[in-house]
Amino acid sequence: MRLRSGISIDSSQHKKFEQVLENLLQKAPAKFILLTDVSGQVVSACGPSSQFDLIALGSVMAGGLSAAQEVAQMLGGEQEYQLVLHEGLSANTFMAGAGPDFAILVQLDKSVPLGWARMLIQEAAKKIDDNCQESDYQESSDAEQIPDAKKLDLLGDPTNLSDQIGDSLDALWKG
């Protein structure tokens, strides 16, 4: 799986991520968990997700976590595994960084103690980051991410063209 952030994840790595999320879903117990890369691209989800637009949720979560990290940095309180809590009427939602490349969103019932949830989420975030450090997941170079304009199939399948243009724009914005 190749992510917009330039990271490639193989199937064994993806399986490890899913195991961490399933374990968190059971232990917490959580209602729903979403794992994305830092750009908001969905990597995996656990729990009933049909009621959510995962693509939009991933993007908004990444933006919210990024904003919270920027505020923390401006105030001198940046942490390795930052956690943001939204206390709702019937559920609490945590957003957490999982190393420099991933983010987790966890929704829990209000009955789950916040300290317990916080500890388990930080543990899961660390496991995801540790799995990345141990594995051979790779960041692609900019040259690999930007397709040669001459290779764009302008007369072929319009779906393919859309993907190629999207990939090119993602690579340009990523810098």
N, C-alpha and C. Protein backbone atom coordinates (compact mmCIF):
# COMPACT_ATOMS: atom_id res chain seq x y z
N MET A 1 0.85 -1.17 0.00
CA MET A 1 0.00 0.00 0.00
C MET A 1 0.90 1.23 0.00
N ARG A 2 0.67 2.10 -0.96
CA ARG A 2 1.45 3.34 -1.02
C ARG A 2 0.58 4.50 -0.56
N LEU A 3 1.08 5.26 0.37
CA LEU A 3 0.32 6.37 0.95
C LEU A 3 0.74 7.69 0.34
N ARG A 4 -0.16 8.67 0.41
CA ARG A 4 0.13 10.00 -0.14
C ARG A 4 1.33 10.65 0.53
N SER A 5 1.58 10.28 1.76
CA SER A 5 2.70 10.88 2.49
C SER A 5 4.05 10.37 1.98
N GLY A 6 4.02 9.43 1.02
CA GLY A 6 5.26 8.90 0.46
C GLY A 6 5.72 7.61 1.09
N ILE A 7 4.96 7.09 2.02
CA ILE A 7 5.32 5.86 2.71
C ILE A 7 4.68 4.68 2.01
N SER A 8 5.42 3.59 1.91
CA SER A 8 4.88 2.34 1.39
C SER A 8 4.81 1.33 2.52
N ILE A 9 3.66 0.67 2.65
CA ILE A 9 3.45 -0.33 3.69
C ILE A 9 3.17 -1.66 3.02
N ASP A 10 3.91 -2.70 3.41
CA ASP A 10 3.63 -4.01 2.83
C ASP A 10 2.52 -4.71 3.62
N SER A 11 2.08 -5.86 3.14
CA SER A 11 0.94 -6.54 3.75
C SER A 11 1.24 -7.02 5.18
N SER A 12 2.46 -7.42 5.46
CA SER A 12 2.78 -7.86 6.82
C SER A 12 2.77 -6.68 7.79
N GLN A 13 3.22 -5.53 7.33
CA GLN A 13 3.18 -4.31 8.15
C GLN A 13 1.73 -3.91 8.42
N HIS A 14 0.91 -3.98 7.38
CA HIS A 14 -0.51 -3.63 7.51
C HIS A 14 -1.20 -4.56 8.50
N LYS A 15 -0.84 -5.84 8.45
CA LYS A 15 -1.40 -6.83 9.37
C LYS A 15 -1.02 -6.50 10.82
N LYS A 16 0.22 -6.07 11.04
CA LYS A 16 0.66 -5.69 12.39
C LYS A 16 -0.15 -4.50 12.89
N PHE A 17 -0.37 -3.52 12.02
CA PHE A 17 -1.18 -2.36 12.41
C PHE A 17 -2.58 -2.81 12.82
N GLU A 18 -3.18 -3.68 12.02
CA GLU A 18 -4.53 -4.15 12.33
C GLU A 18 -4.59 -4.91 13.64
N GLN A 19 -3.55 -5.68 13.96
CA GLN A 19 -3.51 -6.40 15.23
C GLN A 19 -3.47 -5.42 16.41
N VAL A 20 -2.67 -4.37 16.28
CA VAL A 20 -2.59 -3.35 17.34
C VAL A 20 -3.95 -2.70 17.53
N LEU A 21 -4.62 -2.35 16.43
CA LEU A 21 -5.93 -1.70 16.50
C LEU A 21 -6.99 -2.63 17.09
N GLU A 22 -7.01 -3.89 16.67
CA GLU A 22 -7.97 -4.86 17.20
C GLU A 22 -7.76 -5.05 18.70
N ASN A 23 -6.51 -5.12 19.12
CA ASN A 23 -6.19 -5.26 20.54
C ASN A 23 -6.71 -4.05 21.32
N LEU A 24 -6.49 -2.86 20.80
CA LEU A 24 -6.97 -1.64 21.44
C LEU A 24 -8.49 -1.61 21.48
N LEU A 25 -9.14 -2.02 20.40
CA LEU A 25 -10.60 -2.06 20.32
C LEU A 25 -11.18 -2.92 21.45
N GLN A 26 -10.54 -4.07 21.70
CA GLN A 26 -11.01 -4.99 22.73
C GLN A 26 -10.67 -4.52 24.14
N LYS A 27 -9.44 -4.07 24.35
CA LYS A 27 -8.98 -3.71 25.69
C LYS A 27 -9.65 -2.46 26.24
N ALA A 28 -9.89 -1.47 25.40
CA ALA A 28 -10.33 -0.16 25.88
C ALA A 28 -11.68 -0.19 26.59
N PRO A 29 -12.73 -0.72 26.22
CA PRO A 29 -13.18 -1.08 24.88
C PRO A 29 -13.57 0.17 24.08
N ALA A 30 -13.21 0.17 22.83
CA ALA A 30 -13.48 1.32 21.96
C ALA A 30 -14.68 1.03 21.07
N LYS A 31 -15.35 2.10 20.66
CA LYS A 31 -16.45 1.98 19.70
C LYS A 31 -15.91 1.91 18.28
N PHE A 32 -14.89 2.71 18.02
CA PHE A 32 -14.39 2.86 16.66
C PHE A 32 -12.95 3.35 16.71
N ILE A 33 -12.11 2.85 15.79
CA ILE A 33 -10.71 3.28 15.70
C ILE A 33 -10.36 3.50 14.23
N LEU A 34 -9.65 4.58 13.98
CA LEU A 34 -9.20 4.90 12.62
C LEU A 34 -7.70 5.18 12.66
N LEU A 35 -6.96 4.54 11.77
CA LEU A 35 -5.52 4.79 11.63
C LEU A 35 -5.30 5.43 10.27
N THR A 36 -4.60 6.56 10.27
CA THR A 36 -4.28 7.25 9.01
C THR A 36 -2.79 7.58 8.99
N ASP A 37 -2.31 7.96 7.81
CA ASP A 37 -0.98 8.56 7.77
C ASP A 37 -1.16 10.03 8.14
N VAL A 38 -0.07 10.77 8.24
CA VAL A 38 -0.16 12.16 8.70
C VAL A 38 -0.90 13.06 7.72
N SER A 39 -1.07 12.63 6.48
CA SER A 39 -1.83 13.44 5.52
C SER A 39 -3.32 13.16 5.63
N GLY A 40 -3.70 12.16 6.41
CA GLY A 40 -5.11 11.82 6.59
C GLY A 40 -5.58 10.65 5.75
N GLN A 41 -4.70 10.06 4.96
CA GLN A 41 -5.09 8.91 4.14
C GLN A 41 -5.35 7.71 5.05
N VAL A 42 -6.49 7.08 4.87
CA VAL A 42 -6.89 5.96 5.72
C VAL A 42 -5.99 4.76 5.47
N VAL A 43 -5.48 4.20 6.57
CA VAL A 43 -4.66 2.99 6.52
C VAL A 43 -5.51 1.80 6.96
N SER A 44 -6.27 1.98 8.06
CA SER A 44 -7.10 0.90 8.58
C SER A 44 -8.16 1.48 9.51
N ALA A 45 -9.24 0.71 9.69
CA ALA A 45 -10.30 1.10 10.62
C ALA A 45 -10.83 -0.14 11.31
N CYS A 46 -11.24 0.00 12.57
CA CYS A 46 -11.82 -1.09 13.34
C CYS A 46 -13.12 -0.61 13.97
N GLY A 47 -14.08 -1.50 14.07
CA GLY A 47 -15.36 -1.13 14.63
C GLY A 47 -16.32 -0.75 13.52
N PRO A 48 -17.57 -0.48 13.89
CA PRO A 48 -18.57 -0.14 12.87
C PRO A 48 -18.25 1.20 12.21
N SER A 49 -17.83 1.15 10.96
CA SER A 49 -17.40 2.38 10.28
C SER A 49 -18.33 2.81 9.17
N SER A 50 -19.39 2.04 8.92
CA SER A 50 -20.27 2.37 7.79
C SER A 50 -21.00 3.69 7.98
N GLN A 51 -21.12 4.15 9.22
CA GLN A 51 -21.82 5.41 9.47
C GLN A 51 -20.93 6.63 9.25
N PHE A 52 -19.65 6.43 8.98
CA PHE A 52 -18.71 7.53 8.82
C PHE A 52 -18.18 7.60 7.39
N ASP A 53 -17.88 8.80 6.94
CA ASP A 53 -17.13 9.00 5.71
C ASP A 53 -15.66 8.98 6.13
N LEU A 54 -15.02 7.83 5.97
CA LEU A 54 -13.66 7.64 6.48
C LEU A 54 -12.66 8.58 5.83
N ILE A 55 -12.83 8.87 4.56
CA ILE A 55 -11.89 9.76 3.87
C ILE A 55 -11.97 11.16 4.46
N ALA A 56 -13.18 11.67 4.63
CA ALA A 56 -13.35 13.01 5.23
C ALA A 56 -12.88 13.01 6.68
N LEU A 57 -13.24 11.97 7.42
CA LEU A 57 -12.85 11.89 8.83
C LEU A 57 -11.33 11.85 8.97
N GLY A 58 -10.67 11.07 8.13
CA GLY A 58 -9.21 11.01 8.16
C GLY A 58 -8.57 12.36 7.88
N SER A 59 -9.09 13.06 6.90
CA SER A 59 -8.55 14.38 6.55
C SER A 59 -8.75 15.39 7.67
N VAL A 60 -9.95 15.42 8.23
CA VAL A 60 -10.23 16.36 9.32
C VAL A 60 -9.40 16.02 10.55
N MET A 61 -9.27 14.73 10.85
CA MET A 61 -8.46 14.32 12.00
C MET A 61 -7.01 14.74 11.83
N ALA A 62 -6.46 14.52 10.64
CA ALA A 62 -5.06 14.90 10.39
C ALA A 62 -4.88 16.40 10.55
N GLY A 63 -5.83 17.17 10.04
CA GLY A 63 -5.75 18.62 10.18
C GLY A 63 -5.86 19.07 11.63
N GLY A 64 -6.78 18.45 12.37
CA GLY A 64 -6.95 18.80 13.78
C GLY A 64 -5.75 18.45 14.62
N LEU A 65 -5.19 17.28 14.37
CA LEU A 65 -4.00 16.86 15.12
C LEU A 65 -2.81 17.74 14.77
N SER A 66 -2.69 18.07 13.51
CA SER A 66 -1.60 18.95 13.08
C SER A 66 -1.72 20.33 13.73
N ALA A 67 -2.93 20.85 13.79
CA ALA A 67 -3.15 22.15 14.43
C ALA A 67 -2.82 22.08 15.92
N ALA A 68 -3.24 21.01 16.58
CA ALA A 68 -2.94 20.85 18.01
C ALA A 68 -1.44 20.74 18.25
N GLN A 69 -0.74 20.04 17.36
CA GLN A 69 0.71 19.91 17.49
C GLN A 69 1.39 21.26 17.31
N GLU A 70 0.88 22.06 16.40
CA GLU A 70 1.46 23.39 16.16
C GLU A 70 1.24 24.29 17.38
N VAL A 71 0.05 24.23 17.98
CA VAL A 71 -0.22 25.00 19.20
C VAL A 71 0.73 24.56 20.30
N ALA A 72 0.89 23.25 20.49
CA ALA A 72 1.79 22.74 21.53
C ALA A 72 3.22 23.20 21.29
N GLN A 73 3.64 23.18 20.04
CA GLN A 73 5.00 23.61 19.71
C GLN A 73 5.18 25.10 20.01
N MET A 74 4.18 25.90 19.68
CA MET A 74 4.26 27.34 19.94
C MET A 74 4.32 27.64 21.43
N LEU A 75 3.68 26.78 22.22
CA LEU A 75 3.67 26.96 23.67
C LEU A 75 4.81 26.22 24.36
N GLY A 76 5.63 25.53 23.59
CA GLY A 76 6.78 24.82 24.15
C GLY A 76 6.43 23.52 24.82
N GLY A 77 5.30 22.92 24.49
CA GLY A 77 4.88 21.70 25.15
C GLY A 77 4.75 20.51 24.23
N GLU A 78 5.53 20.46 23.16
CA GLU A 78 5.42 19.36 22.21
C GLU A 78 5.89 18.06 22.87
N GLN A 79 5.16 16.97 22.59
CA GLN A 79 5.50 15.66 23.14
C GLN A 79 5.72 14.67 22.01
N GLU A 80 6.33 13.55 22.36
CA GLU A 80 6.59 12.52 21.36
C GLU A 80 5.28 11.88 20.88
N TYR A 81 4.40 11.55 21.79
CA TYR A 81 3.11 10.93 21.44
C TYR A 81 1.99 11.83 21.94
N GLN A 82 1.70 12.85 21.18
CA GLN A 82 0.69 13.83 21.58
C GLN A 82 -0.70 13.23 21.51
N LEU A 83 -1.55 13.66 22.44
CA LEU A 83 -2.92 13.18 22.53
C LEU A 83 -3.86 14.37 22.62
N VAL A 84 -4.93 14.35 21.84
CA VAL A 84 -5.95 15.39 21.88
C VAL A 84 -7.26 14.71 22.26
N LEU A 85 -7.98 15.27 23.23
CA LEU A 85 -9.23 14.70 23.71
C LEU A 85 -10.39 15.63 23.39
N HIS A 86 -11.45 15.06 22.83
CA HIS A 86 -12.71 15.78 22.66
C HIS A 86 -13.74 15.06 23.51
N GLU A 87 -14.25 15.75 24.54
CA GLU A 87 -15.26 15.15 25.40
C GLU A 87 -16.64 15.50 24.85
N GLY A 88 -17.36 14.49 24.40
CA GLY A 88 -18.71 14.67 23.87
C GLY A 88 -19.75 14.32 24.91
N LEU A 89 -21.02 14.42 24.52
CA LEU A 89 -22.11 14.11 25.44
C LEU A 89 -22.22 12.62 25.73
N SER A 90 -22.05 11.79 24.71
CA SER A 90 -22.20 10.35 24.91
C SER A 90 -20.92 9.56 24.65
N ALA A 91 -19.93 10.22 24.06
CA ALA A 91 -18.68 9.53 23.74
C ALA A 91 -17.51 10.50 23.83
N ASN A 92 -16.34 9.95 24.09
CA ASN A 92 -15.10 10.73 24.07
C ASN A 92 -14.30 10.29 22.85
N THR A 93 -13.62 11.24 22.24
CA THR A 93 -12.81 10.94 21.07
C THR A 93 -11.39 11.41 21.32
N PHE A 94 -10.44 10.50 21.16
CA PHE A 94 -9.03 10.82 21.27
C PHE A 94 -8.42 10.83 19.88
N MET A 95 -7.53 11.78 19.64
CA MET A 95 -6.69 11.78 18.44
C MET A 95 -5.26 11.76 18.94
N ALA A 96 -4.46 10.87 18.38
CA ALA A 96 -3.09 10.73 18.86
C ALA A 96 -2.13 10.54 17.70
N GLY A 97 -0.97 11.16 17.81
CA GLY A 97 0.10 10.90 16.87
C GLY A 97 0.71 9.56 17.19
N ALA A 98 1.08 8.82 16.16
CA ALA A 98 1.73 7.52 16.34
C ALA A 98 3.07 7.60 15.62
N GLY A 99 4.00 8.29 16.24
CA GLY A 99 5.28 8.54 15.60
C GLY A 99 5.15 9.66 14.59
N PRO A 100 6.15 9.86 13.77
CA PRO A 100 6.12 10.98 12.83
C PRO A 100 5.26 10.75 11.59
N ASP A 101 4.79 9.51 11.38
CA ASP A 101 4.12 9.19 10.12
C ASP A 101 2.65 8.83 10.21
N PHE A 102 2.14 8.53 11.40
CA PHE A 102 0.77 8.03 11.52
C PHE A 102 0.00 8.74 12.63
N ALA A 103 -1.34 8.60 12.56
CA ALA A 103 -2.23 9.17 13.57
C ALA A 103 -3.37 8.19 13.82
N ILE A 104 -3.87 8.20 15.06
CA ILE A 104 -4.98 7.31 15.45
C ILE A 104 -6.12 8.16 15.99
N LEU A 105 -7.34 7.81 15.61
CA LEU A 105 -8.54 8.38 16.21
C LEU A 105 -9.25 7.23 16.91
N VAL A 106 -9.62 7.44 18.17
CA VAL A 106 -10.30 6.40 18.95
C VAL A 106 -11.54 7.01 19.59
N GLN A 107 -12.70 6.40 19.33
CA GLN A 107 -13.94 6.85 19.95
C GLN A 107 -14.34 5.84 21.01
N LEU A 108 -14.62 6.36 22.22
CA LEU A 108 -14.95 5.51 23.36
C LEU A 108 -16.24 5.99 24.01
N ASP A 109 -16.93 5.07 24.64
CA ASP A 109 -18.11 5.42 25.41
C ASP A 109 -17.67 6.27 26.61
N LYS A 110 -18.56 7.13 27.08
CA LYS A 110 -18.24 7.99 28.23
C LYS A 110 -17.92 7.19 29.49
N SER A 111 -18.37 5.94 29.55
CA SER A 111 -18.14 5.13 30.75
C SER A 111 -16.70 4.64 30.87
N VAL A 112 -15.92 4.72 29.80
CA VAL A 112 -14.52 4.27 29.85
C VAL A 112 -13.69 5.35 30.54
N PRO A 113 -12.97 5.00 31.61
CA PRO A 113 -12.14 5.99 32.31
C PRO A 113 -11.10 6.61 31.38
N LEU A 114 -10.98 7.94 31.45
CA LEU A 114 -10.08 8.65 30.56
C LEU A 114 -8.62 8.24 30.74
N GLY A 115 -8.20 8.03 31.98
CA GLY A 115 -6.82 7.62 32.24
C GLY A 115 -6.49 6.27 31.63
N TRP A 116 -7.44 5.34 31.75
CA TRP A 116 -7.27 4.01 31.16
C TRP A 116 -7.15 4.12 29.64
N ALA A 117 -8.07 4.88 29.05
CA ALA A 117 -8.06 5.05 27.59
C ALA A 117 -6.76 5.71 27.14
N ARG A 118 -6.36 6.74 27.84
CA ARG A 118 -5.13 7.47 27.49
C ARG A 118 -3.92 6.54 27.50
N MET A 119 -3.82 5.72 28.54
CA MET A 119 -2.69 4.80 28.66
C MET A 119 -2.68 3.80 27.50
N LEU A 120 -3.84 3.22 27.19
CA LEU A 120 -3.91 2.22 26.12
C LEU A 120 -3.65 2.84 24.75
N ILE A 121 -4.15 4.04 24.52
CA ILE A 121 -3.95 4.70 23.23
C ILE A 121 -2.48 5.06 23.04
N GLN A 122 -1.85 5.57 24.07
CA GLN A 122 -0.42 5.90 23.96
C GLN A 122 0.41 4.63 23.75
N GLU A 123 0.02 3.55 24.39
CA GLU A 123 0.71 2.27 24.20
C GLU A 123 0.55 1.79 22.75
N ALA A 124 -0.65 1.89 22.21
CA ALA A 124 -0.89 1.48 20.82
C ALA A 124 -0.11 2.37 19.85
N ALA A 125 -0.09 3.67 20.11
CA ALA A 125 0.65 4.60 19.25
C ALA A 125 2.14 4.25 19.24
N LYS A 126 2.66 3.92 20.41
CA LYS A 126 4.08 3.55 20.50
C LYS A 126 4.34 2.24 19.74
N LYS A 127 3.42 1.28 19.85
CA LYS A 127 3.59 0.01 19.13
C LYS A 127 3.59 0.24 17.62
N ILE A 128 2.70 1.09 17.15
CA ILE A 128 2.66 1.39 15.71
C ILE A 128 3.98 2.02 15.28
N ASP A 129 4.45 2.99 16.05
CA ASP A 129 5.72 3.64 15.73
C ASP A 129 6.88 2.65 15.79
N ASP A 130 6.90 1.81 16.83
CA ASP A 130 7.96 0.80 16.96
C ASP A 130 7.94 -0.18 15.79
N ASN A 131 6.74 -0.60 15.38
CA ASN A 131 6.63 -1.50 14.23
C ASN A 131 7.21 -0.86 12.98
N CYS A 132 7.01 0.44 12.84
CA CYS A 132 7.55 1.15 11.68
C CYS A 132 9.07 1.20 11.74
N GLN A 133 9.61 1.43 12.92
CA GLN A 133 11.06 1.52 13.08
C GLN A 133 11.72 0.17 12.81
N GLU A 134 11.04 -0.92 13.20
CA GLU A 134 11.58 -2.27 13.01
C GLU A 134 11.48 -2.74 11.57
N SER A 135 10.46 -2.28 10.87
CA SER A 135 10.19 -2.81 9.53
C SER A 135 10.98 -2.07 8.46
N ASP A 136 10.77 -2.52 7.27
CA ASP A 136 11.45 -1.93 6.13
C ASP A 136 10.52 -1.03 5.33
N TYR A 137 9.51 -0.43 6.01
CA TYR A 137 8.65 0.45 5.23
C TYR A 137 9.50 1.58 4.71
N GLN A 138 9.16 2.08 3.54
CA GLN A 138 10.04 3.01 2.86
C GLN A 138 9.33 4.30 2.53
N GLU A 139 10.10 5.36 2.55
CA GLU A 139 9.61 6.62 2.04
C GLU A 139 10.14 6.76 0.62
N SER A 140 9.25 7.05 -0.29
CA SER A 140 9.64 7.20 -1.69
C SER A 140 10.29 8.55 -1.89
N SER A 141 11.22 8.60 -2.83
CA SER A 141 11.83 9.88 -3.15
C SER A 141 10.87 10.70 -3.99
N ASP A 142 11.08 12.02 -4.06
CA ASP A 142 10.23 12.89 -4.86
C ASP A 142 10.23 12.47 -6.31
N ALA A 143 11.35 11.99 -6.82
CA ALA A 143 11.43 11.58 -8.22
C ALA A 143 10.48 10.42 -8.50
N GLU A 144 10.29 9.53 -7.52
CA GLU A 144 9.38 8.41 -7.71
C GLU A 144 7.92 8.86 -7.63
N GLN A 145 7.65 9.93 -6.90
CA GLN A 145 6.28 10.35 -6.66
C GLN A 145 5.69 11.18 -7.78
N ILE A 146 6.50 11.92 -8.51
CA ILE A 146 5.98 12.80 -9.55
C ILE A 146 6.13 12.09 -10.89
N PRO A 147 5.00 11.68 -11.48
CA PRO A 147 5.12 11.00 -12.76
C PRO A 147 5.57 11.98 -13.83
N ASP A 148 6.34 11.47 -14.78
CA ASP A 148 6.80 12.27 -15.90
C ASP A 148 5.58 12.72 -16.69
N ALA A 149 5.48 14.02 -16.97
CA ALA A 149 4.32 14.55 -17.69
C ALA A 149 4.14 13.88 -19.04
N LYS A 150 5.23 13.45 -19.66
CA LYS A 150 5.14 12.79 -20.96
C LYS A 150 4.47 11.43 -20.85
N LYS A 151 4.49 10.85 -19.65
CA LYS A 151 3.91 9.52 -19.46
C LYS A 151 2.43 9.57 -19.11
N LEU A 152 1.87 10.75 -18.87
CA LEU A 152 0.45 10.85 -18.57
C LEU A 152 -0.35 10.40 -19.78
N ASP A 153 -1.27 9.49 -19.57
CA ASP A 153 -2.08 8.95 -20.65
C ASP A 153 -3.29 9.85 -20.87
N LEU A 154 -3.14 10.88 -21.67
CA LEU A 154 -4.19 11.88 -21.85
C LEU A 154 -5.38 11.36 -22.65
N LEU A 155 -5.20 10.34 -23.46
CA LEU A 155 -6.29 9.83 -24.28
C LEU A 155 -6.83 8.51 -23.77
N GLY A 156 -6.25 7.99 -22.72
CA GLY A 156 -6.66 6.68 -22.22
C GLY A 156 -7.80 6.76 -21.23
N ASP A 157 -7.80 5.84 -20.32
CA ASP A 157 -8.84 5.72 -19.30
C ASP A 157 -8.90 6.99 -18.45
N PRO A 158 -10.06 7.68 -18.39
CA PRO A 158 -10.15 8.92 -17.61
C PRO A 158 -9.95 8.69 -16.12
N THR A 159 -10.27 7.50 -15.62
CA THR A 159 -10.03 7.21 -14.21
C THR A 159 -8.54 7.20 -13.94
N ASN A 160 -7.78 6.60 -14.83
CA ASN A 160 -6.33 6.55 -14.70
C ASN A 160 -5.74 7.96 -14.75
N LEU A 161 -6.23 8.78 -15.66
CA LEU A 161 -5.75 10.15 -15.77
C LEU A 161 -6.01 10.91 -14.48
N SER A 162 -7.19 10.73 -13.93
CA SER A 162 -7.54 11.39 -12.67
C SER A 162 -6.58 10.98 -11.56
N ASP A 163 -6.29 9.68 -11.48
CA ASP A 163 -5.34 9.20 -10.48
C ASP A 163 -3.95 9.78 -10.70
N GLN A 164 -3.52 9.83 -11.95
CA GLN A 164 -2.19 10.37 -12.26
C GLN A 164 -2.11 11.85 -11.90
N ILE A 165 -3.13 12.60 -12.23
CA ILE A 165 -3.14 14.03 -11.90
C ILE A 165 -3.17 14.21 -10.39
N GLY A 166 -4.01 13.41 -9.71
CA GLY A 166 -4.07 13.48 -8.25
C GLY A 166 -2.74 13.17 -7.61
N ASP A 167 -2.06 12.12 -8.10
CA ASP A 167 -0.74 11.77 -7.57
C ASP A 167 0.26 12.89 -7.80
N SER A 168 0.20 13.50 -8.97
CA SER A 168 1.12 14.61 -9.28
C SER A 168 0.88 15.80 -8.37
N LEU A 169 -0.39 16.14 -8.16
CA LEU A 169 -0.71 17.27 -7.29
C LEU A 169 -0.31 16.99 -5.85
N ASP A 170 -0.59 15.75 -5.38
CA ASP A 170 -0.18 15.39 -4.02
C ASP A 170 1.32 15.54 -3.84
N ALA A 171 2.08 15.08 -4.83
CA ALA A 171 3.54 15.16 -4.75
C ALA A 171 4.01 16.61 -4.77
N LEU A 172 3.35 17.45 -5.56
CA LEU A 172 3.73 18.87 -5.61
C LEU A 172 3.47 19.57 -4.29
N TRP A 173 2.29 19.32 -3.71
CA TRP A 173 1.93 19.99 -2.46
C TRP A 173 2.78 19.51 -1.30
N LYS A 174 3.18 18.24 -1.37
CA LYS A 174 4.00 17.69 -0.30
C LYS A 174 5.38 18.33 -0.27
N GLY A 175 5.78 18.86 -1.39
CA GLY A 175 7.00 19.65 -1.43
C GLY A 175 8.22 18.90 -1.66
